[in-house]
Amino acid sequence: MIGFVVFGLLVGVAARLLVPGRQHLSFGVTVALGLVGSVVGGVVANALGTGDVFELNILGSLVAVAAAVLLIVIGDRVAPIARRSSRR
């Protein structure tokens, strides 16, 4: 389980580095999105029969980073909207 959290941290940081420009997300949100991305990568790898959900493999890692990049882009787009609506 500790390895899963560390891998999710690495996935989140790698995804954030791959997204161009400045993101308006905290480090905690980046880690959380990395964890979600690593779960998505594990599920896809498991569905394709290349490994278990919590097993580290190349395909799962690539899908995890891609999913985390997508989640960071979506989160960065949603964050300013959420901040704007909470000021009212």
Protein backbone atom coordinates (compact mmCIF):
# COMPACT_ATOMS: atom_id res chain seq x y z
CA MET A 1 0.00 0.00 0.00
CA ILE A 2 2.87 2.39 0.75
CA GLY A 3 4.31 1.63 -2.69
CA PHE A 4 0.95 2.47 -4.25
CA VAL A 5 0.91 5.88 -2.54
CA VAL A 6 4.52 6.59 -3.55
CA PHE A 7 3.79 5.57 -7.14
CA GLY A 8 0.68 7.80 -7.15
CA LEU A 9 2.84 10.67 -5.92
CA LEU A 10 5.34 10.09 -8.72
CA VAL A 11 2.55 9.80 -11.30
CA GLY A 12 1.00 13.07 -10.11
CA VAL A 13 4.31 14.93 -10.22
CA ALA A 14 5.18 13.48 -13.66
CA ALA A 15 1.74 14.40 -15.01
CA ARG A 16 2.01 17.92 -13.65
CA LEU A 17 5.40 18.34 -15.31
CA LEU A 18 3.95 17.13 -18.62
CA VAL A 19 1.08 19.64 -18.61
CA PRO A 20 2.34 22.90 -20.13
CA GLY A 21 1.88 26.20 -18.31
CA ARG A 22 1.17 27.01 -14.70
CA GLN A 23 -1.43 24.95 -12.88
CA HIS A 24 -3.55 26.37 -10.08
CA LEU A 25 -3.65 23.14 -8.08
CA SER A 26 -2.16 22.46 -4.68
CA PHE A 27 0.38 19.73 -4.07
CA GLY A 28 -2.25 17.67 -2.24
CA VAL A 29 -4.63 17.82 -5.20
CA THR A 30 -1.77 16.83 -7.51
CA VAL A 31 -1.02 13.78 -5.34
CA ALA A 32 -4.71 12.85 -5.16
CA LEU A 33 -5.07 13.07 -8.94
CA GLY A 34 -1.90 10.99 -9.30
CA LEU A 35 -3.43 8.33 -7.05
CA VAL A 36 -6.63 8.31 -9.10
CA GLY A 37 -4.57 8.11 -12.29
CA SER A 38 -2.59 5.16 -10.94
CA VAL A 39 -5.82 3.34 -10.06
CA VAL A 40 -7.13 3.99 -13.58
CA GLY A 41 -3.86 2.69 -15.03
CA GLY A 42 -4.07 -0.44 -12.89
CA VAL A 43 -7.69 -1.08 -13.87
CA VAL A 44 -6.91 -0.68 -17.58
CA ALA A 45 -3.86 -2.95 -17.31
CA ASN A 46 -5.97 -5.51 -15.45
CA ALA A 47 -8.72 -5.31 -18.08
CA LEU A 48 -6.17 -5.91 -20.83
CA GLY A 49 -4.72 -8.86 -18.93
CA THR A 50 -1.22 -7.42 -18.50
CA GLY A 51 -1.25 -7.32 -14.71
CA ASP A 52 -3.15 -6.84 -11.49
CA VAL A 53 -4.62 -3.50 -10.37
CA PHE A 54 -1.88 -2.95 -7.77
CA GLU A 55 0.91 -4.51 -9.84
CA LEU A 56 3.51 -2.21 -11.37
CA ASN A 57 3.90 -2.71 -15.13
CA ILE A 58 4.75 -0.60 -18.15
CA LEU A 59 1.29 -0.38 -19.73
CA GLY A 60 -0.37 0.44 -16.41
CA SER A 61 2.27 3.09 -15.72
CA LEU A 62 1.77 4.77 -19.09
CA VAL A 63 -2.00 4.76 -18.74
CA ALA A 64 -1.67 6.06 -15.16
CA VAL A 65 0.39 9.05 -16.29
CA ALA A 66 -1.96 9.74 -19.22
CA ALA A 67 -5.01 9.57 -16.95
CA ALA A 68 -3.35 11.84 -14.39
CA VAL A 69 -2.46 14.37 -17.12
CA LEU A 70 -6.09 14.40 -18.23
CA LEU A 71 -7.30 14.78 -14.63
CA ILE A 72 -4.86 17.63 -13.96
CA VAL A 73 -6.01 19.48 -17.08
CA ILE A 74 -9.66 19.02 -16.03
CA GLY A 75 -8.91 19.96 -12.42
CA ASP A 76 -7.04 23.06 -13.50
CA ARG A 77 -9.99 24.14 -15.63
CA VAL A 78 -12.50 23.49 -12.82
CA ALA A 79 -10.48 25.05 -9.96
CA PRO A 80 -10.96 28.72 -10.99
CA ILE A 81 -14.70 28.15 -11.48
CA ALA A 82 -15.01 26.60 -8.01
CA ARG A 83 -13.04 29.47 -6.44
CA ARG A 84 -15.17 32.07 -8.22
CA SER A 85 -18.47 30.53 -7.07
CA SER A 86 -17.29 30.20 -3.45
CA ARG A 87 -16.58 33.96 -3.23
CA ARG A 88 -20.25 34.85 -3.64
